[in-house]
PDB file of all heavy atoms in Angstrom:
ATOM      1  N   HIS A   1      25.232 -77.896   2.723  1.00  0.00           N
ATOM      2  CA  HIS A   1      26.379 -77.024   2.996  1.00  0.00           C
ATOM      3  C   HIS A   1      27.658 -77.711   2.549  1.00  0.00           C
ATOM      4  O   HIS A   1      27.781 -78.936   2.584  1.00  0.00           O
ATOM      5  CB  HIS A   1      26.461 -76.698   4.496  1.00  0.00           C
ATOM      6  CG  HIS A   1      26.470 -77.924   5.379  1.00  0.00           C
ATOM      7  ND1 HIS A   1      27.623 -78.608   5.693  1.00  0.00           N
ATOM      8  CD2 HIS A   1      25.463 -78.589   5.986  1.00  0.00           C
ATOM      9  CE1 HIS A   1      27.327 -79.642   6.466  1.00  0.00           C
ATOM     10  NE2 HIS A   1      26.028 -79.663   6.663  1.00  0.00           N
ATOM     11  N   ALA A   2      28.608 -76.907   2.113  1.00  0.00           N
ATOM     12  CA  ALA A   2      29.930 -77.385   1.702  1.00  0.00           C
ATOM     13  C   ALA A   2      30.871 -76.196   1.741  1.00  0.00           C
ATOM     14  O   ALA A   2      30.440 -75.047   1.556  1.00  0.00           O
ATOM     15  CB  ALA A   2      29.882 -78.002   0.302  1.00  0.00           C
ATOM     16  N   PRO A   3      32.175 -76.421   1.990  1.00  0.00           N
ATOM     17  CA  PRO A   3      33.118 -75.302   2.121  1.00  0.00           C
ATOM     18  C   PRO A   3      33.132 -74.360   0.921  1.00  0.00           C
ATOM     19  O   PRO A   3      33.271 -73.141   1.090  1.00  0.00           O
ATOM     20  CB  PRO A   3      34.467 -76.008   2.292  1.00  0.00           C
ATOM     21  CG  PRO A   3      34.133 -77.335   2.873  1.00  0.00           C
ATOM     22  CD  PRO A   3      32.812 -77.718   2.285  1.00  0.00           C
ATOM     23  N   LEU A   4      33.016 -74.903  -0.285  1.00  0.00           N
ATOM     24  CA  LEU A   4      33.047 -74.069  -1.492  1.00  0.00           C
ATOM     25  C   LEU A   4      31.646 -73.758  -2.009  1.00  0.00           C
ATOM     26  O   LEU A   4      31.478 -73.262  -3.123  1.00  0.00           O
ATOM     27  CB  LEU A   4      33.879 -74.745  -2.581  1.00  0.00           C
ATOM     28  CG  LEU A   4      35.347 -74.987  -2.220  1.00  0.00           C
ATOM     29  CD1 LEU A   4      36.081 -75.667  -3.378  1.00  0.00           C
ATOM     30  CD2 LEU A   4      36.047 -73.689  -1.835  1.00  0.00           C
ATOM     31  N   GLY A   5      30.641 -74.062  -1.206  1.00  0.00           N
ATOM     32  CA  GLY A   5      29.291 -73.648  -1.533  1.00  0.00           C
ATOM     33  C   GLY A   5      28.432 -74.704  -2.203  1.00  0.00           C
ATOM     34  O   GLY A   5      28.877 -75.808  -2.536  1.00  0.00           O
ATOM     35  N   VAL A   6      27.169 -74.329  -2.352  1.00  0.00           N
ATOM     36  CA  VAL A   6      26.161 -75.132  -3.051  1.00  0.00           C
ATOM     37  C   VAL A   6      25.750 -74.339  -4.285  1.00  0.00           C
ATOM     38  O   VAL A   6      25.385 -73.161  -4.189  1.00  0.00           O
ATOM     39  CB  VAL A   6      24.944 -75.405  -2.144  1.00  0.00           C
ATOM     40  CG1 VAL A   6      23.903 -76.238  -2.887  1.00  0.00           C
ATOM     41  CG2 VAL A   6      25.371 -76.086  -0.845  1.00  0.00           C
ATOM     42  N   TRP A   7      25.794 -74.986  -5.448  1.00  0.00           N
ATOM     43  CA  TRP A   7      25.558 -74.312  -6.726  1.00  0.00           C
ATOM     44  C   TRP A   7      24.473 -75.051  -7.495  1.00  0.00           C
ATOM     45  O   TRP A   7      24.457 -76.280  -7.533  1.00  0.00           O
ATOM     46  CB  TRP A   7      26.848 -74.264  -7.537  1.00  0.00           C
ATOM     47  CG  TRP A   7      27.966 -73.594  -6.808  1.00  0.00           C
ATOM     48  CD1 TRP A   7      28.758 -74.137  -5.828  1.00  0.00           C
ATOM     49  CD2 TRP A   7      28.401 -72.242  -6.957  1.00  0.00           C
ATOM     50  NE1 TRP A   7      29.666 -73.216  -5.371  1.00  0.00           N
ATOM     51  CE2 TRP A   7      29.483 -72.039  -6.052  1.00  0.00           C
ATOM     52  CE3 TRP A   7      28.016 -71.193  -7.792  1.00  0.00           C
ATOM     53  CZ2 TRP A   7      30.153 -70.832  -5.945  1.00  0.00           C
ATOM     54  CZ3 TRP A   7      28.694 -69.979  -7.695  1.00  0.00           C
ATOM     55  CH2 TRP A   7      29.740 -69.808  -6.778  1.00  0.00           C
ATOM     56  N   LEU A   8      23.581 -74.298  -8.131  1.00  0.00           N
ATOM     57  CA  LEU A   8      22.394 -74.908  -8.751  1.00  0.00           C
ATOM     58  C   LEU A   8      22.108 -74.279 -10.105  1.00  0.00           C
ATOM     59  O   LEU A   8      22.281 -73.074 -10.291  1.00  0.00           O
ATOM     60  CB  LEU A   8      21.203 -74.728  -7.806  1.00  0.00           C
ATOM     61  CG  LEU A   8      19.833 -75.214  -8.247  1.00  0.00           C
ATOM     62  CD1 LEU A   8      19.043 -75.742  -7.035  1.00  0.00           C
ATOM     63  CD2 LEU A   8      19.036 -74.077  -8.907  1.00  0.00           C
ATOM     64  N   VAL A   9      21.652 -75.125 -11.043  1.00  0.00           N
ATOM     65  CA  VAL A   9      21.165 -74.650 -12.337  1.00  0.00           C
ATOM     66  C   VAL A   9      19.736 -75.150 -12.541  1.00  0.00           C
ATOM     67  O   VAL A   9      19.272 -76.056 -11.853  1.00  0.00           O
ATOM     68  CB  VAL A   9      22.072 -75.120 -13.498  1.00  0.00           C
ATOM     69  CG1 VAL A   9      23.481 -74.591 -13.329  1.00  0.00           C
ATOM     70  CG2 VAL A   9      22.072 -76.641 -13.620  1.00  0.00           C
ATOM     71  N   ARG A  10      19.060 -74.553 -13.499  1.00  0.00           N
ATOM     72  CA  ARG A  10      17.684 -74.951 -13.805  1.00  0.00           C
ATOM     73  C   ARG A  10      17.616 -76.278 -14.551  1.00  0.00           C
ATOM     74  O   ARG A  10      18.494 -76.601 -15.343  1.00  0.00           O
ATOM     75  CB  ARG A  10      17.012 -73.908 -14.694  1.00  0.00           C
ATOM     76  CG  ARG A  10      16.491 -72.677 -14.022  1.00  0.00           C
ATOM     77  CD  ARG A  10      15.826 -71.812 -15.088  1.00  0.00           C
ATOM     78  NE  ARG A  10      15.405 -70.511 -14.591  1.00  0.00           N
ATOM     79  CZ  ARG A  10      14.997 -69.534 -15.383  1.00  0.00           C
ATOM     80  NH1 ARG A  10      14.951 -69.718 -16.696  1.00  0.00           N
ATOM     81  NH2 ARG A  10      14.629 -68.377 -14.868  1.00  0.00           N
ATOM     82  N   GLY A  11      16.528 -76.989 -14.333  1.00  0.00           N
ATOM     83  CA  GLY A  11      16.137 -78.103 -15.183  1.00  0.00           C
ATOM     84  C   GLY A  11      14.845 -77.765 -15.893  1.00  0.00           C
ATOM     85  O   GLY A  11      14.415 -76.596 -15.927  1.00  0.00           O
ATOM     86  N   ASN A  12      14.194 -78.769 -16.450  1.00  0.00           N
ATOM     87  CA  ASN A  12      12.937 -78.482 -17.148  1.00  0.00           C
ATOM     88  C   ASN A  12      11.843 -78.022 -16.187  1.00  0.00           C
ATOM     89  O   ASN A  12      11.050 -77.132 -16.505  1.00  0.00           O
ATOM     90  CB  ASN A  12      12.475 -79.681 -17.975  1.00  0.00           C
ATOM     91  CG  ASN A  12      12.456 -80.990 -17.223  1.00  0.00           C
ATOM     92  OD1 ASN A  12      13.514 -81.573 -16.976  1.00  0.00           O
ATOM     93  ND2 ASN A  12      11.275 -81.470 -16.848  1.00  0.00           N
ATOM     94  N   TRP A  13      11.793 -78.590 -14.973  1.00  0.00           N
ATOM     95  CA  TRP A  13      10.731 -78.209 -14.047  1.00  0.00           C
ATOM     96  C   TRP A  13      10.882 -76.763 -13.583  1.00  0.00           C
ATOM     97  O   TRP A  13       9.878 -76.049 -13.406  1.00  0.00           O
ATOM     98  CB  TRP A  13      10.677 -79.163 -12.858  1.00  0.00           C
ATOM     99  CG  TRP A  13      10.019 -80.455 -13.222  1.00  0.00           C
ATOM    100  CD1 TRP A  13      10.624 -81.606 -13.626  1.00  0.00           C
ATOM    101  CD2 TRP A  13       8.612 -80.716 -13.256  1.00  0.00           C
ATOM    102  NE1 TRP A  13       9.687 -82.576 -13.914  1.00  0.00           N
ATOM    103  CE2 TRP A  13       8.445 -82.059 -13.690  1.00  0.00           C
ATOM    104  CE3 TRP A  13       7.483 -79.962 -12.972  1.00  0.00           C
ATOM    105  CZ2 TRP A  13       7.188 -82.639 -13.834  1.00  0.00           C
ATOM    106  CZ3 TRP A  13       6.227 -80.545 -13.108  1.00  0.00           C
ATOM    107  CH2 TRP A  13       6.091 -81.878 -13.544  1.00  0.00           C
ATOM    108  N   GLU A  14      12.104 -76.292 -13.396  1.00  0.00           N
ATOM    109  CA  GLU A  14      12.299 -74.882 -13.042  1.00  0.00           C
ATOM    110  C   GLU A  14      11.920 -73.966 -14.202  1.00  0.00           C
ATOM    111  O   GLU A  14      11.445 -72.843 -13.986  1.00  0.00           O
ATOM    112  CB  GLU A  14      13.748 -74.632 -12.623  1.00  0.00           C
ATOM    113  CG  GLU A  14      14.118 -75.177 -11.260  1.00  0.00           C
ATOM    114  CD  GLU A  14      14.535 -76.635 -11.279  1.00  0.00           C
ATOM    115  OE1 GLU A  14      14.605 -77.224 -12.385  1.00  0.00           O
ATOM    116  OE2 GLU A  14      14.789 -77.192 -10.212  1.00  0.00           O
ATOM    117  N   ASN A  15      12.121 -74.425 -15.425  1.00  0.00           N
ATOM    118  CA  ASN A  15      11.712 -73.631 -16.579  1.00  0.00           C
ATOM    119  C   ASN A  15      10.198 -73.634 -16.756  1.00  0.00           C
ATOM    120  O   ASN A  15       9.627 -72.655 -17.267  1.00  0.00           O
ATOM    121  CB  ASN A  15      12.401 -74.149 -17.846  1.00  0.00           C
ATOM    122  CG  ASN A  15      13.803 -73.583 -18.019  1.00  0.00           C
ATOM    123  OD1 ASN A  15      13.971 -72.405 -18.327  1.00  0.00           O
ATOM    124  ND2 ASN A  15      14.818 -74.404 -17.804  1.00  0.00           N
ATOM    125  N   TRP A  16       9.559 -74.698 -16.362  1.00  0.00           N
ATOM    126  CA  TRP A  16       8.096 -74.750 -16.449  1.00  0.00           C
ATOM    127  C   TRP A  16       7.431 -73.949 -15.333  1.00  0.00           C
ATOM    128  O   TRP A  16       6.269 -73.546 -15.457  1.00  0.00           O
ATOM    129  CB  TRP A  16       7.611 -76.196 -16.377  1.00  0.00           C
ATOM    130  CG  TRP A  16       7.961 -77.018 -17.569  1.00  0.00           C
ATOM    131  CD1 TRP A  16       8.281 -76.571 -18.821  1.00  0.00           C
ATOM    132  CD2 TRP A  16       8.046 -78.445 -17.639  1.00  0.00           C
ATOM    133  NE1 TRP A  16       8.553 -77.631 -19.658  1.00  0.00           N
ATOM    134  CE2 TRP A  16       8.412 -78.800 -18.966  1.00  0.00           C
ATOM    135  CE3 TRP A  16       7.845 -79.473 -16.720  1.00  0.00           C
ATOM    136  CZ2 TRP A  16       8.576 -80.130 -19.375  1.00  0.00           C
ATOM    137  CZ3 TRP A  16       8.009 -80.797 -17.123  1.00  0.00           C
ATOM    138  CH2 TRP A  16       8.374 -81.111 -18.439  1.00  0.00           C
ATOM    139  N   HIS A  17       8.139 -73.751 -14.232  1.00  0.00           N
ATOM    140  CA  HIS A  17       7.587 -73.035 -13.073  1.00  0.00           C
ATOM    141  C   HIS A  17       8.590 -71.957 -12.639  1.00  0.00           C
ATOM    142  O   HIS A  17       9.108 -71.994 -11.522  1.00  0.00           O
ATOM    143  CB  HIS A  17       7.334 -73.994 -11.912  1.00  0.00           C
ATOM    144  CG  HIS A  17       6.381 -75.108 -12.221  1.00  0.00           C
ATOM    145  ND1 HIS A  17       5.016 -74.971 -12.143  1.00  0.00           N
ATOM    146  CD2 HIS A  17       6.595 -76.379 -12.623  1.00  0.00           C
ATOM    147  CE1 HIS A  17       4.429 -76.114 -12.471  1.00  0.00           C
ATOM    148  NE2 HIS A  17       5.366 -76.984 -12.775  1.00  0.00           N
ATOM    149  N   VAL A  18       8.842 -70.995 -13.522  1.00  0.00           N
ATOM    150  CA  VAL A  18       9.825 -69.959 -13.200  1.00  0.00           C
ATOM    151  C   VAL A  18       9.310 -69.128 -12.024  1.00  0.00           C
ATOM    152  O   VAL A  18       8.160 -68.673 -12.016  1.00  0.00           O
ATOM    153  CB  VAL A  18      10.101 -69.066 -14.422  1.00  0.00           C
ATOM    154  CG1 VAL A  18      11.029 -67.916 -14.028  1.00  0.00           C
ATOM    155  CG2 VAL A  18      10.723 -69.882 -15.542  1.00  0.00           C
ATOM    156  N   LEU A  19      10.171 -68.938 -11.044  1.00  0.00           N
ATOM    157  CA  LEU A  19       9.812 -68.254  -9.808  1.00  0.00           C
ATOM    158  C   LEU A  19      10.190 -66.785  -9.885  1.00  0.00           C
ATOM    159  O   LEU A  19      11.315 -66.435 -10.251  1.00  0.00           O
ATOM    160  CB  LEU A  19      10.549 -68.921  -8.636  1.00  0.00           C
ATOM    161  CG  LEU A  19      10.328 -68.331  -7.247  1.00  0.00           C
ATOM    162  CD1 LEU A  19       8.893 -68.593  -6.784  1.00  0.00           C
ATOM    163  CD2 LEU A  19      11.323 -68.941  -6.258  1.00  0.00           C
ATOM    164  N   ASP A  20       9.251 -65.897  -9.529  1.00  0.00           N
ATOM    165  CA  ASP A  20       9.595 -64.480  -9.386  1.00  0.00           C
ATOM    166  C   ASP A  20      10.596 -64.340  -8.244  1.00  0.00           C
ATOM    167  O   ASP A  20      10.419 -64.923  -7.176  1.00  0.00           O
ATOM    168  CB  ASP A  20       8.339 -63.653  -9.078  1.00  0.00           C
ATOM    169  CG  ASP A  20       7.402 -63.547 -10.271  1.00  0.00           C
ATOM    170  OD1 ASP A  20       7.875 -63.717 -11.408  1.00  0.00           O
ATOM    171  OD2 ASP A  20       6.194 -63.317 -10.050  1.00  0.00           O
ATOM    172  N   GLY A  21      11.636 -63.563  -8.469  1.00  0.00           N
ATOM    173  CA  GLY A  21      12.663 -63.420  -7.439  1.00  0.00           C
ATOM    174  C   GLY A  21      13.492 -64.673  -7.258  1.00  0.00           C
ATOM    175  O   GLY A  21      13.949 -64.973  -6.149  1.00  0.00           O
ATOM    176  N   GLU A  22      13.702 -65.393  -8.363  1.00  0.00           N
ATOM    177  CA  GLU A  22      14.417 -66.676  -8.321  1.00  0.00           C
ATOM    178  C   GLU A  22      15.803 -66.564  -7.683  1.00  0.00           C
ATOM    179  O   GLU A  22      16.111 -67.327  -6.753  1.00  0.00           O
ATOM    180  CB  GLU A  22      14.509 -67.232  -9.743  1.00  0.00           C
ATOM    181  CG  GLU A  22      15.033 -68.637  -9.863  1.00  0.00           C
ATOM    182  CD  GLU A  22      14.984 -69.115 -11.310  1.00  0.00           C
ATOM    183  OE1 GLU A  22      14.947 -68.271 -12.232  1.00  0.00           O
ATOM    184  OE2 GLU A  22      14.986 -70.336 -11.521  1.00  0.00           O
ATOM    185  N   PRO A  23      16.670 -65.631  -8.108  1.00  0.00           N
ATOM    186  CA  PRO A  23      17.997 -65.552  -7.487  1.00  0.00           C
ATOM    187  C   PRO A  23      17.932 -65.294  -5.984  1.00  0.00           C
ATOM    188  O   PRO A  23      18.706 -65.871  -5.202  1.00  0.00           O
ATOM    189  CB  PRO A  23      18.675 -64.401  -8.230  1.00  0.00           C
ATOM    190  CG  PRO A  23      17.950 -64.309  -9.539  1.00  0.00           C
ATOM    191  CD  PRO A  23      16.539 -64.665  -9.218  1.00  0.00           C
ATOM    192  N   GLU A  24      17.009 -64.433  -5.560  1.00  0.00           N
ATOM    193  CA  GLU A  24      16.884 -64.115  -4.135  1.00  0.00           C
ATOM    194  C   GLU A  24      16.410 -65.324  -3.337  1.00  0.00           C
ATOM    195  O   GLU A  24      16.856 -65.556  -2.203  1.00  0.00           O
ATOM    196  CB  GLU A  24      15.920 -62.939  -3.947  1.00  0.00           C
ATOM    197  CG  GLU A  24      15.621 -62.593  -2.501  1.00  0.00           C
ATOM    198  CD  GLU A  24      16.842 -62.128  -1.728  1.00  0.00           C
ATOM    199  OE1 GLU A  24      17.871 -61.777  -2.344  1.00  0.00           O
ATOM    200  OE2 GLU A  24      16.776 -62.141  -0.488  1.00  0.00           O
ATOM    201  N   PHE A  25      15.505 -66.103  -3.922  1.00  0.00           N
ATOM    202  CA  PHE A  25      15.033 -67.326  -3.251  1.00  0.00           C
ATOM    203  C   PHE A  25      16.201 -68.235  -2.917  1.00  0.00           C
ATOM    204  O   PHE A  25      16.313 -68.753  -1.802  1.00  0.00           O
ATOM    205  CB  PHE A  25      14.038 -68.057  -4.156  1.00  0.00           C
ATOM    206  CG  PHE A  25      13.683 -69.442  -3.685  1.00  0.00           C
ATOM    207  CD1 PHE A  25      12.703 -69.642  -2.720  1.00  0.00           C
ATOM    208  CD2 PHE A  25      14.342 -70.561  -4.204  1.00  0.00           C
ATOM    209  CE1 PHE A  25      12.390 -70.928  -2.268  1.00  0.00           C
ATOM    210  CE2 PHE A  25      14.025 -71.836  -3.763  1.00  0.00           C
ATOM    211  CZ  PHE A  25      13.046 -72.023  -2.791  1.00  0.00           C
ATOM    212  N   TYR A  26      17.099 -68.437  -3.867  1.00  0.00           N
ATOM    213  CA  TYR A  26      18.243 -69.312  -3.627  1.00  0.00           C
ATOM    214  C   TYR A  26      19.258 -68.654  -2.686  1.00  0.00           C
ATOM    215  O   TYR A  26      19.843 -69.332  -1.833  1.00  0.00           O
ATOM    216  CB  TYR A  26      18.903 -69.687  -4.954  1.00  0.00           C
ATOM    217  CG  TYR A  26      18.033 -70.588  -5.806  1.00  0.00           C
ATOM    218  CD1 TYR A  26      17.577 -70.169  -7.056  1.00  0.00           C
ATOM    219  CD2 TYR A  26      17.656 -71.850  -5.346  1.00  0.00           C
ATOM    220  CE1 TYR A  26      16.769 -70.993  -7.833  1.00  0.00           C
ATOM    221  CE2 TYR A  26      16.848 -72.671  -6.119  1.00  0.00           C
ATOM    222  CZ  TYR A  26      16.405 -72.234  -7.361  1.00  0.00           C
ATOM    223  OH  TYR A  26      15.602 -73.052  -8.114  1.00  0.00           O
ATOM    224  N   ARG A  27      19.448 -67.350  -2.835  1.00  0.00           N
ATOM    225  CA  ARG A  27      20.412 -66.658  -1.991  1.00  0.00           C
ATOM    226  C   ARG A  27      20.054 -66.786  -0.521  1.00  0.00           C
ATOM    227  O   ARG A  27      20.928 -66.975   0.329  1.00  0.00           O
ATOM    228  CB  ARG A  27      20.497 -65.177  -2.391  1.00  0.00           C
ATOM    229  CG  ARG A  27      21.646 -64.426  -1.707  1.00  0.00           C
ATOM    230  CD  ARG A  27      21.541 -62.934  -1.907  1.00  0.00           C
ATOM    231  NE  ARG A  27      20.354 -62.396  -1.243  1.00  0.00           N
ATOM    232  CZ  ARG A  27      20.287 -62.170   0.064  1.00  0.00           C
ATOM    233  NH1 ARG A  27      21.307 -62.452   0.853  1.00  0.00           N
ATOM    234  NH2 ARG A  27      19.179 -61.673   0.582  1.00  0.00           N
ATOM    235  N   ARG A  28      18.748 -66.703  -0.206  1.00  0.00           N
ATOM    236  CA  ARG A  28      18.314 -66.820   1.191  1.00  0.00           C
ATOM    237  C   ARG A  28      18.608 -68.201   1.756  1.00  0.00           C
ATOM    238  O   ARG A  28      18.677 -68.365   2.978  1.00  0.00           O
ATOM    239  CB  ARG A  28      16.820 -66.524   1.308  1.00  0.00           C
ATOM    240  CG  ARG A  28      16.450 -65.079   1.046  1.00  0.00           C
ATOM    241  CD  ARG A  28      15.100 -64.730   1.664  1.00  0.00           C
ATOM    242  NE  ARG A  28      14.050 -65.681   1.311  1.00  0.00           N
ATOM    243  CZ  ARG A  28      13.245 -65.553   0.263  1.00  0.00           C
ATOM    244  NH1 ARG A  28      13.379 -64.520  -0.557  1.00  0.00           N
ATOM    245  NH2 ARG A  28      12.306 -66.445   0.019  1.00  0.00           N
ATOM    246  N   ARG A  29      18.751 -69.202   0.905  1.00  0.00           N
ATOM    247  CA  ARG A  29      19.078 -70.562   1.347  1.00  0.00           C
ATOM    248  C   ARG A  29      20.576 -70.874   1.215  1.00  0.00           C
ATOM    249  O   ARG A  29      20.971 -72.023   1.263  1.00  0.00           O
ATOM    250  CB  ARG A  29      18.276 -71.588   0.554  1.00  0.00           C
ATOM    251  CG  ARG A  29      16.881 -71.801   1.143  1.00  0.00           C
ATOM    252  CD  ARG A  29      15.859 -71.081   0.326  1.00  0.00           C
ATOM    253  NE  ARG A  29      14.519 -71.206   0.925  1.00  0.00           N
ATOM    254  CZ  ARG A  29      13.590 -70.270   0.784  1.00  0.00           C
ATOM    255  NH1 ARG A  29      13.854 -69.166   0.100  1.00  0.00           N
ATOM    256  NH2 ARG A  29      12.405 -70.419   1.330  1.00  0.00           N
ATOM    257  N   GLN A  30      21.385 -69.845   0.992  1.00  0.00           N
ATOM    258  CA  GLN A  30      22.834 -70.022   0.860  1.00  0.00           C
ATOM    259  C   GLN A  30      23.194 -70.892  -0.348  1.00  0.00           C
ATOM    260  O   GLN A  30      24.151 -71.664  -0.302  1.00  0.00           O
ATOM    261  CB  GLN A  30      23.422 -70.650   2.138  1.00  0.00           C
ATOM    262  CG  GLN A  30      23.040 -69.964   3.421  1.00  0.00           C
ATOM    263  CD  GLN A  30      23.699 -68.592   3.571  1.00  0.00           C
ATOM    264  OE1 GLN A  30      24.898 -68.466   3.392  1.00  0.00           O
ATOM    265  NE2 GLN A  30      22.918 -67.577   3.895  1.00  0.00           N
ATOM    266  N   VAL A  31      22.401 -70.772  -1.401  1.00  0.00           N
ATOM    267  CA  VAL A  31      22.650 -71.505  -2.644  1.00  0.00           C
ATOM    268  C   VAL A  31      22.957 -70.495  -3.745  1.00  0.00           C
ATOM    269  O   VAL A  31      22.243 -69.505  -3.905  1.00  0.00           O
ATOM    270  CB  VAL A  31      21.432 -72.370  -3.035  1.00  0.00           C
ATOM    271  CG1 VAL A  31      21.629 -73.004  -4.411  1.00  0.00           C
ATOM    272  CG2 VAL A  31      21.191 -73.447  -1.982  1.00  0.00           C
ATOM    273  N   SER A  32      24.008 -70.748  -4.500  1.00  0.00           N
ATOM    274  CA  SER A  32      24.378 -69.874  -5.615  1.00  0.00           C
ATOM    275  C   SER A  32      23.705 -70.372  -6.889  1.00  0.00           C
ATOM    276  O   SER A  32      23.880 -71.528  -7.280  1.00  0.00           O
ATOM    277  CB  SER A  32      25.897 -69.858  -5.799  1.00  0.00           C
ATOM    278  OG  SER A  32      26.528 -69.342  -4.639  1.00  0.00           O
ATOM    279  N   PHE A  33      22.937 -69.492  -7.519  1.00  0.00           N
ATOM    280  CA  PHE A  33      22.160 -69.834  -8.710  1.00  0.00           C
ATOM    281  C   PHE A  33      22.923 -69.384  -9.951  1.00  0.00           C
ATOM    282  O   PHE A  33      23.300 -68.212 -10.074  1.00  0.00           O
ATOM    283  CB  PHE A  33      20.802 -69.144  -8.627  1.00  0.00           C
ATOM    284  CG  PHE A  33      19.938 -69.297  -9.837  1.00  0.00           C
ATOM    285  CD1 PHE A  33      19.648 -70.546 -10.350  1.00  0.00           C
ATOM    286  CD2 PHE A  33      19.388 -68.179 -10.453  1.00  0.00           C
ATOM    287  CE1 PHE A  33      18.836 -70.688 -11.467  1.00  0.00           C
ATOM    288  CE2 PHE A  33      18.575 -68.301 -11.558  1.00  0.00           C
ATOM    289  CZ  PHE A  33      18.292 -69.568 -12.062  1.00  0.00           C
ATOM    290  N   LEU A  34      23.179 -70.309 -10.846  1.00  0.00           N
ATOM    291  CA  LEU A  34      23.915 -70.010 -12.068  1.00  0.00           C
ATOM    292  C   LEU A  34      22.990 -70.144 -13.269  1.00  0.00           C
ATOM    293  O   LEU A  34      22.508 -71.237 -13.557  1.00  0.00           O
ATOM    294  CB  LEU A  34      25.102 -70.961 -12.222  1.00  0.00           C
ATOM    295  CG  LEU A  34      26.212 -70.856 -11.167  1.00  0.00           C
ATOM    296  CD1 LEU A  34      27.286 -71.907 -11.420  1.00  0.00           C
ATOM    297  CD2 LEU A  34      26.828 -69.465 -11.151  1.00  0.00           C
ATOM    298  N   LEU A  35      22.751 -69.047 -13.946  1.00  0.00           N
ATOM    299  CA  LEU A  35      21.910 -69.044 -15.138  1.00  0.00           C
ATOM    300  C   LEU A  35      22.725 -68.474 -16.286  1.00  0.00           C
ATOM    301  O   LEU A  35      22.847 -67.261 -16.449  1.00  0.00           O
ATOM    302  CB  LEU A  35      20.639 -68.223 -14.908  1.00  0.00           C
ATOM    303  CG  LEU A  35      19.621 -68.221 -16.050  1.00  0.00           C
ATOM    304  CD1 LEU A  35      19.085 -69.631 -16.301  1.00  0.00           C
ATOM    305  CD2 LEU A  35      18.478 -67.257 -15.748  1.00  0.00           C
ATOM    306  N   ASN A  36      23.349 -69.379 -17.040  1.00  0.00           N
ATOM    307  CA  ASN A  36      24.218 -68.988 -18.155  1.00  0.00           C
ATOM    308  C   ASN A  36      25.334 -68.042 -17.702  1.00  0.00           C
ATOM    309  O   ASN A  36      25.578 -66.984 -18.303  1.00  0.00           O
ATOM    310  CB  ASN A  36      23.399 -68.335 -19.275  1.00  0.00           C
ATOM    311  CG  ASN A  36      22.424 -69.295 -19.903  1.00  0.00           C
ATOM    312  OD1 ASN A  36      22.728 -70.476 -20.077  1.00  0.00           O
ATOM    313  ND2 ASN A  36      21.234 -68.810 -20.222  1.00  0.00           N
ATOM    314  N   ARG A  37      25.993 -68.431 -16.621  1.00  0.00           N
ATOM    315  CA  ARG A  37      27.134 -67.652 -16.160  1.00  0.00           C
ATOM    316  C   ARG A  37      28.148 -68.555 -15.477  1.00  0.00           C
ATOM    317  O   ARG A  37      27.825 -69.675 -15.050  1.00  0.00           O
ATOM    318  CB  ARG A  37      26.713 -66.514 -15.225  1.00  0.00           C
ATOM    319  CG  ARG A  37      26.163 -66.940 -13.872  1.00  0.00           C
ATOM    320  CD  ARG A  37      25.711 -65.720 -13.085  1.00  0.00           C
ATOM    321  NE  ARG A  37      25.218 -66.084 -11.758  1.00  0.00           N
ATOM    322  CZ  ARG A  37      25.987 -66.119 -10.669  1.00  0.00           C
ATOM    323  NH1 ARG A  37      27.281 -65.823 -10.755  1.00  0.00           N
ATOM    324  NH2 ARG A  37      25.470 -66.442  -9.488  1.00  0.00           N
ATOM    325  N   GLY A  38      29.374 -68.059 -15.380  1.00  0.00           N
ATOM    326  CA  GLY A  38      30.443 -68.810 -14.755  1.00  0.00           C
ATOM    327  C   GLY A  38      30.807 -68.215 -13.413  1.00  0.00           C
ATOM    328  O   GLY A  38      30.548 -67.043 -13.132  1.00  0.00           O
ATOM    329  N   ALA A  39      31.423 -69.037 -12.569  1.00  0.00           N
ATOM    330  CA  ALA A  39      31.868 -68.582 -11.257  1.00  0.00           C
ATOM    331  C   ALA A  39      33.119 -69.371 -10.871  1.00  0.00           C
ATOM    332  O   ALA A  39      33.165 -70.600 -11.028  1.00  0.00           O
ATOM    333  CB  ALA A  39      30.775 -68.776 -10.218  1.00  0.00           C
TER     334      ALA A  39
END
């Protein structure tokens, strides 16, 4: 946790094991997932 949030991008292991519903998985953990986008 942090006041301005927790932000995450993929590495090679996430690309090798792409998760169905990936954005929702992170959202449920209060993590913002960035995939080729800015915030």
